[in-house]
C-alpha cells in the first residue's frame, strides 16, 4: 500500500477543501512557518484514528474544526479522507491488492455539535 491522496476540509487551518496527491517516490511538504505543514500531518494522524489531544496539538475535538477568520466564517464540521492505493502482486507486493482491491478510502468527520 501507498498513500495516494489526502483530502482535508475544515481541519484546523484549512477552511477550503484541499487535496494533496502523493506521487510515487519521495513527496515533500515545504513552506514557510505557519502555513499548515504540521496540520497536514495532524490530519493524516486523525483520519487514521488518533485520539490523543496532545499528539494532535489541541485540548478538545472542537479545536480540530476551522475556527474562522476575518475572511472565512467558522465551520460546523471537519472532514478528512485518506485514499490508499493497493499494490498488486505484479508490483512485487501482496495483500489487499491481490484480493482485487485497487484503493481503500478512510474518512473521518466530526461536527461541532459532537457527532
PDB file of N, CA and C in Angstrom:
ATOM      1  N   UNK A   1       0.834  -1.177   0.000  1.00  0.00           N
ATOM      2  CA  UNK A   1       0.000   0.000   0.000  1.00  0.00           C
ATOM      3  C   UNK A   1       0.879   1.240   0.000  1.00  0.00           C
ATOM      4  N   UNK A   2       0.307   2.287  -0.565  1.00  0.00           N
ATOM      5  CA  UNK A   2       0.991   3.579  -0.522  1.00  0.00           C
ATOM      6  C   UNK A   2      -0.046   4.679  -0.411  1.00  0.00           C
ATOM      7  N   UNK A   3       0.354   5.804   0.179  1.00  0.00           N
ATOM      8  CA  UNK A   3      -0.521   6.963   0.251  1.00  0.00           C
ATOM      9  C   UNK A   3      -0.745   7.475  -1.162  1.00  0.00           C
ATOM     10  N   UNK A   4      -1.990   7.688  -1.518  1.00  0.00           N
ATOM     11  CA  UNK A   4      -2.300   8.224  -2.843  1.00  0.00           C
ATOM     12  C   UNK A   4      -2.813   9.657  -2.747  1.00  0.00           C
ATOM     13  N   UNK A   5      -3.710   9.903  -1.778  1.00  0.00           N
ATOM     14  CA  UNK A   5      -4.349  11.220  -1.722  1.00  0.00           C
ATOM     15  C   UNK A   5      -4.860  11.497  -0.310  1.00  0.00           C
ATOM     16  N   UNK A   6      -4.777  12.755   0.088  1.00  0.00           N
ATOM     17  CA  UNK A   6      -5.322  13.204   1.359  1.00  0.00           C
ATOM     18  C   UNK A   6      -6.207  14.415   1.066  1.00  0.00           C
ATOM     19  N   UNK A   7      -7.486  14.327   1.436  1.00  0.00           N
ATOM     20  CA  UNK A   7      -8.416  15.437   1.261  1.00  0.00           C
ATOM     21  C   UNK A   7      -8.761  15.991   2.630  1.00  0.00           C
ATOM     22  N   UNK A   8      -8.608  17.308   2.773  1.00  0.00           N
ATOM     23  CA  UNK A   8      -8.831  17.974   4.050  1.00  0.00           C
ATOM     24  C   UNK A   8      -9.881  19.057   3.855  1.00  0.00           C
ATOM     25  N   UNK A   9     -10.881  19.095   4.732  1.00  0.00           N
ATOM     26  CA  UNK A   9     -11.865  20.173   4.694  1.00  0.00           C
ATOM     27  C   UNK A   9     -12.183  20.593   6.126  1.00  0.00           C
ATOM     28  N   UNK A  10     -12.007  21.873   6.405  1.00  0.00           N
ATOM     29  CA  UNK A  10     -12.379  22.409   7.704  1.00  0.00           C
ATOM     30  C   UNK A  10     -11.519  21.936   8.859  1.00  0.00           C
ATOM     31  N   UNK A  11     -10.355  21.403   8.582  1.00  0.00           N
ATOM     32  CA  UNK A  11      -9.479  20.887   9.628  1.00  0.00           C
ATOM     33  C   UNK A  11      -8.459  21.951  10.008  1.00  0.00           C
ATOM     34  N   UNK A  12      -8.512  22.400  11.231  1.00  0.00           N
ATOM     35  CA  UNK A  12      -7.595  23.404  11.778  1.00  0.00           C
ATOM     36  C   UNK A  12      -7.485  24.619  10.858  1.00  0.00           C
ATOM     37  N   UNK A  13      -6.398  24.755  10.106  1.00  0.00           N
ATOM     38  CA  UNK A  13      -6.168  25.955   9.291  1.00  0.00           C
ATOM     39  C   UNK A  13      -6.611  25.799   7.838  1.00  0.00           C
ATOM     40  N   UNK A  14      -7.425  24.776   7.536  1.00  0.00           N
ATOM     41  CA  UNK A  14      -7.853  24.517   6.157  1.00  0.00           C
ATOM     42  C   UNK A  14      -9.363  24.734   6.002  1.00  0.00           C
ATOM     43  N   UNK A  15      -9.809  25.981   5.722  1.00  0.00           N
ATOM     44  CA  UNK A  15     -11.246  26.231   5.600  1.00  0.00           C
ATOM     45  C   UNK A  15     -11.830  25.695   4.290  1.00  0.00           C
ATOM     46  N   UNK A  16     -11.026  25.586   3.277  1.00  0.00           N
ATOM     47  CA  UNK A  16     -11.477  25.115   1.965  1.00  0.00           C
ATOM     48  C   UNK A  16     -11.029  23.684   1.742  1.00  0.00           C
ATOM     49  N   UNK A  17     -11.735  23.001   0.849  1.00  0.00           N
ATOM     50  CA  UNK A  17     -11.332  21.627   0.525  1.00  0.00           C
ATOM     51  C   UNK A  17      -9.946  21.673  -0.124  1.00  0.00           C
ATOM     52  N   UNK A  18      -9.040  20.927   0.449  1.00  0.00           N
ATOM     53  CA  UNK A  18      -7.657  20.866  -0.033  1.00  0.00           C
ATOM     54  C   UNK A  18      -7.318  19.415  -0.312  1.00  0.00           C
ATOM     55  N   UNK A  19      -6.804  19.155  -1.506  1.00  0.00           N
ATOM     56  CA  UNK A  19      -6.419  17.798  -1.887  1.00  0.00           C
ATOM     57  C   UNK A  19      -4.918  17.755  -2.116  1.00  0.00           C
ATOM     58  N   UNK A  20      -4.272  16.814  -1.444  1.00  0.00           N
ATOM     59  CA  UNK A  20      -2.834  16.606  -1.614  1.00  0.00           C
ATOM     60  C   UNK A  20      -2.666  15.236  -2.249  1.00  0.00           C
ATOM     61  N   UNK A  21      -2.067  15.209  -3.426  1.00  0.00           N
ATOM     62  CA  UNK A  21      -1.816  13.945  -4.126  1.00  0.00           C
ATOM     63  C   UNK A  21      -0.351  13.569  -3.941  1.00  0.00           C
ATOM     64  N   UNK A  22      -0.149  12.336  -3.522  1.00  0.00           N
ATOM     65  CA  UNK A  22       1.200  11.842  -3.281  1.00  0.00           C
ATOM     66  C   UNK A  22       1.633  11.038  -4.503  1.00  0.00           C
ATOM     67  N   UNK A  23       2.641  11.512  -5.201  1.00  0.00           N
ATOM     68  CA  UNK A  23       3.143  10.786  -6.363  1.00  0.00           C
ATOM     69  C   UNK A  23       4.073   9.673  -5.893  1.00  0.00           C
ATOM     70  N   UNK A  24       4.395   8.771  -6.788  1.00  0.00           N
ATOM     71  CA  UNK A  24       5.324   7.701  -6.424  1.00  0.00           C
ATOM     72  C   UNK A  24       6.694   8.303  -6.170  1.00  0.00           C
ATOM     73  N   UNK A  25       7.432   7.673  -5.305  1.00  0.00           N
ATOM     74  CA  UNK A  25       8.746   8.194  -4.949  1.00  0.00           C
ATOM     75  C   UNK A  25       8.643   9.035  -3.698  1.00  0.00           C
ATOM     76  N   UNK A  26       9.439  10.066  -3.637  1.00  0.00           N
ATOM     77  CA  UNK A  26       9.504  10.910  -2.447  1.00  0.00           C
ATOM     78  C   UNK A  26       8.570  12.100  -2.613  1.00  0.00           C
ATOM     79  N   UNK A  27       7.791  12.365  -1.585  1.00  0.00           N
ATOM     80  CA  UNK A  27       6.942  13.557  -1.545  1.00  0.00           C
ATOM     81  C   UNK A  27       7.390  14.396  -0.357  1.00  0.00           C
ATOM     82  N   UNK A  28       7.574  15.672  -0.590  1.00  0.00           N
ATOM     83  CA  UNK A  28       7.961  16.581   0.489  1.00  0.00           C
ATOM     84  C   UNK A  28       6.933  17.696   0.585  1.00  0.00           C
ATOM     85  N   UNK A  29       6.654  18.113   1.793  1.00  0.00           N
ATOM     86  CA  UNK A  29       5.757  19.230   2.020  1.00  0.00           C
ATOM     87  C   UNK A  29       6.610  20.348   2.592  1.00  0.00           C
ATOM     88  N   UNK A  30       6.731  21.422   1.835  1.00  0.00           N
ATOM     89  CA  UNK A  30       7.586  22.536   2.241  1.00  0.00           C
ATOM     90  C   UNK A  30       6.776  23.822   2.239  1.00  0.00           C
ATOM     91  N   UNK A  31       7.201  24.779   3.019  1.00  0.00           N
ATOM     92  CA  UNK A  31       6.547  26.080   3.062  1.00  0.00           C
ATOM     93  C   UNK A  31       7.043  26.860   4.253  1.00  0.00           C
ATOM     94  N   UNK A  32       6.656  28.134   4.315  1.00  0.00           N
ATOM     95  CA  UNK A  32       7.115  28.977   5.424  1.00  0.00           C
ATOM     96  C   UNK A  32       6.452  28.584   6.739  1.00  0.00           C
ATOM     97  N   UNK A  33       7.000  29.091   7.820  1.00  0.00           N
ATOM     98  CA  UNK A  33       6.423  28.851   9.146  1.00  0.00           C
ATOM     99  C   UNK A  33       4.973  29.325   9.176  1.00  0.00           C
ATOM    100  N   UNK A  34       4.116  28.524   9.794  1.00  0.00           N
ATOM    101  CA  UNK A  34       2.726  28.914   9.968  1.00  0.00           C
ATOM    102  C   UNK A  34       1.813  28.666   8.784  1.00  0.00           C
ATOM    103  N   UNK A  35       2.284  27.950   7.762  1.00  0.00           N
ATOM    104  CA  UNK A  35       1.445  27.747   6.574  1.00  0.00           C
ATOM    105  C   UNK A  35       0.593  26.482   6.647  1.00  0.00           C
ATOM    106  N   UNK A  36       0.778  25.627   7.664  1.00  0.00           N
ATOM    107  CA  UNK A  36      -0.073  24.456   7.828  1.00  0.00           C
ATOM    108  C   UNK A  36       0.580  23.111   7.579  1.00  0.00           C
ATOM    109  N   UNK A  37       1.888  23.062   7.467  1.00  0.00           N
ATOM    110  CA  UNK A  37       2.572  21.780   7.211  1.00  0.00           C
ATOM    111  C   UNK A  37       2.278  20.762   8.308  1.00  0.00           C
ATOM    112  N   UNK A  38       2.386  21.165   9.552  1.00  0.00           N
ATOM    113  CA  UNK A  38       2.140  20.243  10.656  1.00  0.00           C
ATOM    114  C   UNK A  38       0.664  19.882  10.744  1.00  0.00           C
ATOM    115  N   UNK A  39      -0.227  20.789  10.355  1.00  0.00           N
ATOM    116  CA  UNK A  39      -1.656  20.481  10.353  1.00  0.00           C
ATOM    117  C   UNK A  39      -1.979  19.384   9.335  1.00  0.00           C
ATOM    118  N   UNK A  40      -1.219  19.296   8.263  1.00  0.00           N
ATOM    119  CA  UNK A  40      -1.390  18.210   7.291  1.00  0.00           C
ATOM    120  C   UNK A  40      -1.057  16.880   7.967  1.00  0.00           C
ATOM    121  N   UNK A  41       0.033  16.850   8.709  1.00  0.00           N
ATOM    122  CA  UNK A  41       0.402  15.627   9.428  1.00  0.00           C
ATOM    123  C   UNK A  41      -0.621  15.290  10.507  1.00  0.00           C
ATOM    124  N   UNK A  42      -1.144  16.315  11.190  1.00  0.00           N
ATOM    125  CA  UNK A  42      -2.192  16.083  12.188  1.00  0.00           C
ATOM    126  C   UNK A  42      -3.441  15.496  11.532  1.00  0.00           C
ATOM    127  N   UNK A  43      -3.808  15.999  10.353  1.00  0.00           N
ATOM    128  CA  UNK A  43      -4.977  15.475   9.634  1.00  0.00           C
ATOM    129  C   UNK A  43      -4.760  14.010   9.273  1.00  0.00           C
ATOM    130  N   UNK A  44      -3.565  13.670   8.838  1.00  0.00           N
ATOM    131  CA  UNK A  44      -3.244  12.281   8.498  1.00  0.00           C
ATOM    132  C   UNK A  44      -3.353  11.385   9.731  1.00  0.00           C
ATOM    133  N   UNK A  45      -2.809  11.836  10.833  1.00  0.00           N
ATOM    134  CA  UNK A  45      -2.899  11.051  12.074  1.00  0.00           C
ATOM    135  C   UNK A  45      -4.355  10.906  12.522  1.00  0.00           C
ATOM    136  N   UNK A  46      -5.123  11.998  12.426  1.00  0.00           N
ATOM    137  CA  UNK A  46      -6.506  11.989  12.896  1.00  0.00           C
ATOM    138  C   UNK A  46      -7.366  11.029  12.075  1.00  0.00           C
ATOM    139  N   UNK A  47      -7.223  11.065  10.750  1.00  0.00           N
ATOM    140  CA  UNK A  47      -8.037  10.181   9.909  1.00  0.00           C
ATOM    141  C   UNK A  47      -7.673   8.711  10.139  1.00  0.00           C
ATOM    142  N   UNK A  48      -6.472   8.446  10.579  1.00  0.00           N
ATOM    143  CA  UNK A  48      -6.053   7.074  10.875  1.00  0.00           C
ATOM    144  C   UNK A  48      -6.478   6.635  12.279  1.00  0.00           C
ATOM    145  N   UNK A  49      -7.156   7.527  13.018  1.00  0.00           N
ATOM    146  CA  UNK A  49      -7.730   7.119  14.291  1.00  0.00           C
ATOM    147  C   UNK A  49      -7.114   7.712  15.542  1.00  0.00           C
ATOM    148  N   UNK A  50      -6.161   8.604  15.407  1.00  0.00           N
ATOM    149  CA  UNK A  50      -5.528   9.196  16.593  1.00  0.00           C
ATOM    150  C   UNK A  50      -6.579   9.882  17.462  1.00  0.00           C
ATOM    151  N   UNK A  51      -6.495   9.673  18.775  1.00  0.00           N
ATOM    152  CA  UNK A  51      -7.450  10.272  19.704  1.00  0.00           C
ATOM    153  C   UNK A  51      -6.783  11.103  20.788  1.00  0.00           C
ATOM    154  N   UNK A  52      -5.470  11.093  20.829  1.00  0.00           N
ATOM    155  CA  UNK A  52      -4.752  11.860  21.848  1.00  0.00           C
ATOM    156  C   UNK A  52      -4.708  13.335  21.456  1.00  0.00           C
ATOM    157  N   UNK A  53      -5.308  14.179  22.306  1.00  0.00           N
ATOM    158  CA  UNK A  53      -5.313  15.611  22.014  1.00  0.00           C
ATOM    159  C   UNK A  53      -3.912  16.203  22.014  1.00  0.00           C
ATOM    160  N   UNK A  54      -3.040  15.698  22.883  1.00  0.00           N
ATOM    161  CA  UNK A  54      -1.683  16.261  22.938  1.00  0.00           C
ATOM    162  C   UNK A  54      -0.925  15.969  21.643  1.00  0.00           C
ATOM    163  N   UNK A  55      -1.120  14.801  21.067  1.00  0.00           N
ATOM    164  CA  UNK A  55      -0.448  14.482  19.808  1.00  0.00           C
ATOM    165  C   UNK A  55      -1.022  15.336  18.674  1.00  0.00           C
ATOM    166  N   UNK A  56      -2.327  15.623  18.720  1.00  0.00           N
ATOM    167  CA  UNK A  56      -2.968  16.447  17.693  1.00  0.00           C
ATOM    168  C   UNK A  56      -2.845  17.946  17.983  1.00  0.00           C
ATOM    169  N   UNK A  57      -2.122  18.285  19.055  1.00  0.00           N
ATOM    170  CA  UNK A  57      -1.844  19.670  19.425  1.00  0.00           C
ATOM    171  C   UNK A  57      -3.112  20.494  19.642  1.00  0.00           C
ATOM    172  N   UNK A  58      -4.034  19.935  20.430  1.00  0.00           N
ATOM    173  CA  UNK A  58      -5.246  20.654  20.797  1.00  0.00           C
ATOM    174  C   UNK A  58      -5.722  20.142  22.159  1.00  0.00           C
ATOM    175  N   UNK A  59      -6.758  20.776  22.699  1.00  0.00           N
ATOM    176  CA  UNK A  59      -7.272  20.393  24.009  1.00  0.00           C
ATOM    177  C   UNK A  59      -8.600  19.650  23.947  1.00  0.00           C
ATOM    178  N   UNK A  60      -9.336  19.817  22.846  1.00  0.00           N
ATOM    179  CA  UNK A  60     -10.621  19.146  22.682  1.00  0.00           C
ATOM    180  C   UNK A  60     -10.940  19.020  21.196  1.00  0.00           C
ATOM    181  N   UNK A  61     -11.883  18.146  20.871  1.00  0.00           N
ATOM    182  CA  UNK A  61     -12.231  17.873  19.470  1.00  0.00           C
ATOM    183  C   UNK A  61     -12.629  19.124  18.703  1.00  0.00           C
ATOM    184  N   UNK A  62     -13.356  20.042  19.344  1.00  0.00           N
ATOM    185  CA  UNK A  62     -13.829  21.241  18.655  1.00  0.00           C
ATOM    186  C   UNK A  62     -12.680  22.072  18.084  1.00  0.00           C
ATOM    187  N   UNK A  63     -11.504  21.966  18.678  1.00  0.00           N
ATOM    188  CA  UNK A  63     -10.350  22.731  18.191  1.00  0.00           C
ATOM    189  C   UNK A  63      -9.814  22.186  16.874  1.00  0.00           C
ATOM    190  N   UNK A  64     -10.271  21.010  16.463  1.00  0.00           N
ATOM    191  CA  UNK A  64      -9.872  20.462  15.163  1.00  0.00           C
ATOM    192  C   UNK A  64     -10.624  21.138  14.024  1.00  0.00           C
ATOM    193  N   UNK A  65     -11.777  21.732  14.328  1.00  0.00           N
ATOM    194  CA  UNK A  65     -12.612  22.374  13.312  1.00  0.00           C
ATOM    195  C   UNK A  65     -12.141  23.806  13.091  1.00  0.00           C
ATOM    196  N   UNK A  66     -12.077  24.217  11.817  1.00  0.00           N
ATOM    197  CA  UNK A  66     -11.663  25.577  11.467  1.00  0.00           C
ATOM    198  C   UNK A  66     -12.498  26.587  12.250  1.00  0.00           C
ATOM    199  N   UNK A  67     -11.823  27.482  12.991  1.00  0.00           N
ATOM    200  CA  UNK A  67     -12.494  28.394  13.921  1.00  0.00           C
ATOM    201  C   UNK A  67     -12.928  29.712  13.294  1.00  0.00           C
ATOM    202  N   UNK A  68     -12.473  30.001  12.079  1.00  0.00           N
ATOM    203  CA  UNK A  68     -12.872  31.226  11.410  1.00  0.00           C
ATOM    204  C   UNK A  68     -11.790  32.291  11.434  1.00  0.00           C
ATOM    205  N   UNK A  69     -11.890  33.201  10.464  1.00  0.00           N
ATOM    206  CA  UNK A  69     -11.001  34.359  10.350  1.00  0.00           C
ATOM    207  C   UNK A  69     -11.856  35.543   9.905  1.00  0.00           C
ATOM    208  N   UNK A  70     -11.215  36.675   9.655  1.00  0.00           N
ATOM    209  CA  UNK A  70     -11.945  37.836   9.149  1.00  0.00           C
ATOM    210  C   UNK A  70     -12.517  37.550   7.747  1.00  0.00           C
ATOM    211  N   UNK A  71     -11.843  36.685   6.976  1.00  0.00           N
ATOM    212  CA  UNK A  71     -12.283  36.382   5.612  1.00  0.00           C
ATOM    213  C   UNK A  71     -13.196  35.155   5.522  1.00  0.00           C
ATOM    214  N   UNK A  72     -13.108  34.236   6.484  1.00  0.00           N
ATOM    215  CA  UNK A  72     -13.870  32.985   6.453  1.00  0.00           C
ATOM    216  C   UNK A  72     -14.603  32.786   7.775  1.00  0.00           C
ATOM    217  N   UNK A  73     -15.905  32.525   7.725  1.00  0.00           N
ATOM    218  CA  UNK A  73     -16.626  32.246   8.977  1.00  0.00           C
ATOM    219  C   UNK A  73     -16.226  30.891   9.541  1.00  0.00           C
ATOM    220  N   UNK A  74     -16.471  30.645  10.819  1.00  0.00           N
ATOM    221  CA  UNK A  74     -16.168  29.325  11.392  1.00  0.00           C
ATOM    222  C   UNK A  74     -17.036  28.262  10.728  1.00  0.00           C
ATOM    223  N   UNK A  75     -16.515  27.064  10.655  1.00  0.00           N
ATOM    224  CA  UNK A  75     -17.240  25.958  10.037  1.00  0.00           C
ATOM    225  C   UNK A  75     -17.890  25.084  11.105  1.00  0.00           C
ATOM    226  N   UNK A  76     -18.882  24.317  10.681  1.00  0.00           N
ATOM    227  CA  UNK A  76     -19.621  23.466  11.602  1.00  0.00           C
ATOM    228  C   UNK A  76     -19.079  22.061  11.714  1.00  0.00           C
ATOM    229  N   UNK A  77     -18.171  21.696  10.823  1.00  0.00           N
ATOM    230  CA  UNK A  77     -17.607  20.340  10.881  1.00  0.00           C
ATOM    231  C   UNK A  77     -16.268  20.299  10.166  1.00  0.00           C
ATOM    232  N   UNK A  78     -15.565  19.208  10.387  1.00  0.00           N
ATOM    233  CA  UNK A  78     -14.321  18.935   9.678  1.00  0.00           C
ATOM    234  C   UNK A  78     -14.415  17.536   9.095  1.00  0.00           C
ATOM    235  N   UNK A  79     -13.739  17.345   7.974  1.00  0.00           N
ATOM    236  CA  UNK A  79     -13.722  16.029   7.340  1.00  0.00           C
ATOM    237  C   UNK A  79     -12.354  15.809   6.692  1.00  0.00           C
ATOM    238  N   UNK A  80     -11.802  14.644   6.927  1.00  0.00           N
ATOM    239  CA  UNK A  80     -10.528  14.270   6.317  1.00  0.00           C
ATOM    240  C   UNK A  80     -10.713  12.907   5.680  1.00  0.00           C
ATOM    241  N   UNK A  81     -10.260  12.781   4.443  1.00  0.00           N
ATOM    242  CA  UNK A  81     -10.342  11.496   3.732  1.00  0.00           C
ATOM    243  C   UNK A  81      -8.952  11.123   3.234  1.00  0.00           C
ATOM    244  N   UNK A  82      -8.578   9.889   3.479  1.00  0.00           N
ATOM    245  CA  UNK A  82      -7.299   9.346   3.035  1.00  0.00           C
ATOM    246  C   UNK A  82      -7.574   8.251   2.017  1.00  0.00           C
ATOM    247  N   UNK A  83      -6.892   8.321   0.888  1.00  0.00           N
ATOM    248  CA  UNK A  83      -7.005   7.284  -0.139  1.00  0.00           C
ATOM    249  C   UNK A  83      -5.673   6.545  -0.187  1.00  0.00           C
ATOM    250  N   UNK A  84      -5.740   5.234   0.016  1.00  0.00           N
ATOM    251  CA  UNK A  84      -4.568   4.376  -0.064  1.00  0.00           C
ATOM    252  C   UNK A  84      -4.662   3.552  -1.328  1.00  0.00           C
ATOM    253  N   UNK A  85      -3.570   3.445  -2.055  1.00  0.00           N
ATOM    254  CA  UNK A  85      -3.532   2.620  -3.259  1.00  0.00           C
ATOM    255  C   UNK A  85      -2.971   1.250  -2.894  1.00  0.00           C
ATOM    256  N   UNK A  86      -3.699   0.221  -3.264  1.00  0.00           N
ATOM    257  CA  UNK A  86      -3.247  -1.143  -3.008  1.00  0.00           C
ATOM    258  C   UNK A  86      -2.305  -1.553  -4.132  1.00  0.00           C
ATOM    259  N   UNK A  87      -1.180  -2.085  -3.762  1.00  0.00           N
ATOM    260  CA  UNK A  87      -0.215  -2.552  -4.754  1.00  0.00           C
ATOM    261  C   UNK A  87      -0.571  -3.979  -5.146  1.00  0.00           C
ATOM    262  N   UNK A  88      -0.378  -4.310  -6.405  1.00  0.00           N
ATOM    263  CA  UNK A  88      -0.727  -5.646  -6.892  1.00  0.00           C
ATOM    264  C   UNK A  88       0.464  -6.579  -6.798  1.00  0.00           C
ATOM    265  N   UNK A  89       0.196  -7.855  -6.973  1.00  0.00           N
ATOM    266  CA  UNK A  89       1.278  -8.835  -6.942  1.00  0.00           C
ATOM    267  C   UNK A  89       2.263  -8.600  -8.073  1.00  0.00           C
ATOM    268  N   UNK A  90       1.799  -8.031  -9.171  1.00  0.00           N
ATOM    269  CA  UNK A  90       2.714  -7.774 -10.282  1.00  0.00           C
ATOM    270  C   UNK A  90       3.774  -6.747  -9.908  1.00  0.00           C
ATOM    271  N   UNK A  91       3.485  -5.926  -8.881  1.00  0.00           N
ATOM    272  CA  UNK A  91       4.484  -4.958  -8.441  1.00  0.00           C
ATOM    273  C   UNK A  91       5.372  -5.532  -7.350  1.00  0.00           C
ATOM    274  N   UNK A  92       5.209  -6.831  -7.083  1.00  0.00           N
ATOM    275  CA  UNK A  92       6.051  -7.476  -6.088  1.00  0.00           C
ATOM    276  C   UNK A  92       5.495  -7.406  -4.683  1.00  0.00           C
ATOM    277  N   UNK A  93       4.288  -6.912  -4.519  1.00  0.00           N
ATOM    278  CA  UNK A  93       3.675  -6.788  -3.203  1.00  0.00           C
ATOM    279  C   UNK A  93       2.480  -7.725  -3.119  1.00  0.00           C
ATOM    280  N   UNK A  94       2.118  -8.098  -1.926  1.00  0.00           N
ATOM    281  CA  UNK A  94       0.911  -8.893  -1.726  1.00  0.00           C
ATOM    282  C   UNK A  94       0.026  -8.180  -0.725  1.00  0.00           C
ATOM    283  N   UNK A  95      -1.146  -8.674  -0.514  1.00  0.00           N
ATOM    284  CA  UNK A  95      -2.057  -8.073   0.448  1.00  0.00           C
ATOM    285  C   UNK A  95      -3.393  -7.787  -0.192  1.00  0.00           C
ATOM    286  N   UNK A  96      -3.979  -6.639   0.151  1.00  0.00           N
ATOM    287  CA  UNK A  96      -5.313  -6.310  -0.328  1.00  0.00           C
ATOM    288  C   UNK A  96      -5.361  -6.162  -1.841  1.00  0.00           C
ATOM    289  N   UNK A  97      -4.275  -5.716  -2.447  1.00  0.00           N
ATOM    290  CA  UNK A  97      -4.234  -5.603  -3.899  1.00  0.00           C
ATOM    291  C   UNK A  97      -4.433  -6.940  -4.575  1.00  0.00           C
ATOM    292  N   UNK A  98      -3.950  -7.994  -3.952  1.00  0.00           N
ATOM    293  CA  UNK A  98      -4.114  -9.325  -4.525  1.00  0.00           C
ATOM    294  C   UNK A  98      -5.552  -9.815  -4.377  1.00  0.00           C
ATOM    295  N   UNK A  99      -6.340  -9.164  -3.538  1.00  0.00           N
ATOM    296  CA  UNK A  99      -7.748  -9.535  -3.358  1.00  0.00           C
ATOM    297  C   UNK A  99      -8.647  -8.787  -4.335  1.00  0.00           C
ATOM    298  N   UNK A 100      -8.076  -8.063  -5.267  1.00  0.00           N
ATOM    299  CA  UNK A 100      -8.858  -7.349  -6.266  1.00  0.00           C
ATOM    300  C   UNK A 100      -9.189  -5.913  -5.910  1.00  0.00           C
ATOM    301  N   UNK A 101      -8.695  -5.417  -4.780  1.00  0.00           N
ATOM    302  CA  UNK A 101      -8.952  -4.030  -4.400  1.00  0.00           C
ATOM    303  C   UNK A 101      -7.846  -3.141  -4.963  1.00  0.00           C
ATOM    304  N   UNK A 102      -8.230  -2.026  -5.545  1.00  0.00           N
ATOM    305  CA  UNK A 102      -7.214  -1.114  -6.062  1.00  0.00           C
ATOM    306  C   UNK A 102      -7.001   0.073  -5.134  1.00  0.00           C
ATOM    307  N   UNK A 103      -8.049   0.462  -4.386  1.00  0.00           N
ATOM    308  CA  UNK A 103      -7.938   1.584  -3.465  1.00  0.00           C
ATOM    309  C   UNK A 103      -8.762   1.322  -2.204  1.00  0.00           C
ATOM    310  N   UNK A 104      -8.340   1.964  -1.145  1.00  0.00           N
ATOM    311  CA  UNK A 104      -9.092   1.957   0.106  1.00  0.00           C
ATOM    312  C   UNK A 104      -9.243   3.414   0.534  1.00  0.00           C
ATOM    313  N   UNK A 105     -10.458   3.804   0.904  1.00  0.00           N
ATOM    314  CA  UNK A 105     -10.706   5.145   1.403  1.00  0.00           C
ATOM    315  C   UNK A 105     -11.060   5.075   2.883  1.00  0.00           C
ATOM    316  N   UNK A 106     -10.417   5.941   3.652  1.00  0.00           N
ATOM    317  CA  UNK A 106     -10.711   6.068   5.075  1.00  0.00           C
ATOM    318  C   UNK A 106     -11.160   7.506   5.287  1.00  0.00           C
ATOM    319  N   UNK A 107     -12.318   7.688   5.895  1.00  0.00           N
ATOM    320  CA  UNK A 107     -12.845   9.037   6.097  1.00  0.00           C
ATOM    321  C   UNK A 107     -13.243   9.208   7.554  1.00  0.00           C
ATOM    322  N   UNK A 108     -12.961  10.385   8.069  1.00  0.00           N
ATOM    323  CA  UNK A 108     -13.362  10.708   9.442  1.00  0.00           C
ATOM    324  C   UNK A 108     -13.969  12.102   9.417  1.00  0.00           C
ATOM    325  N   UNK A 109     -15.108  12.252  10.085  1.00  0.00           N
ATOM    326  CA  UNK A 109     -15.832  13.519  10.108  1.00  0.00           C
ATOM    327  C   UNK A 109     -16.226  13.813  11.551  1.00  0.00           C
ATOM    328  N   UNK A 110     -16.138  15.078  11.918  1.00  0.00           N
ATOM    329  CA  UNK A 110     -16.546  15.481  13.262  1.00  0.00           C
ATOM    330  C   UNK A 110     -17.314  16.796  13.157  1.00  0.00           C
ATOM    331  N   UNK A 111     -18.500  16.839  13.795  1.00  0.00           N
ATOM    332  CA  UNK A 111     -19.330  18.035  13.805  1.00  0.00           C
ATOM    333  C   UNK A 111     -19.127  18.792  15.112  1.00  0.00           C
ATOM    334  N   UNK A 112     -19.269  20.107  15.033  1.00  0.00           N
ATOM    335  CA  UNK A 112     -19.121  20.944  16.213  1.00  0.00           C
ATOM    336  C   UNK A 112     -20.126  20.553  17.314  1.00  0.00           C
ATOM    337  N   UNK A 113     -21.245  19.975  16.904  1.00  0.00           N
ATOM    338  CA  UNK A 113     -22.271  19.526  17.858  1.00  0.00           C
ATOM    339  C   UNK A 113     -21.843  18.285  18.635  1.00  0.00           C
ATOM    340  N   UNK A 114     -20.744  17.650  18.220  1.00  0.00           N
ATOM    341  CA  UNK A 114     -20.236  16.477  18.919  1.00  0.00           C
ATOM    342  C   UNK A 114     -20.465  15.174  18.196  1.00  0.00           C
ATOM    343  N   UNK A 115     -21.206  15.194  17.110  1.00  0.00           N
ATOM    344  CA  UNK A 115     -21.453  13.962  16.337  1.00  0.00           C
ATOM    345  C   UNK A 115     -20.207  13.519  15.608  1.00  0.00           C
TER     346      UNK A 115
END
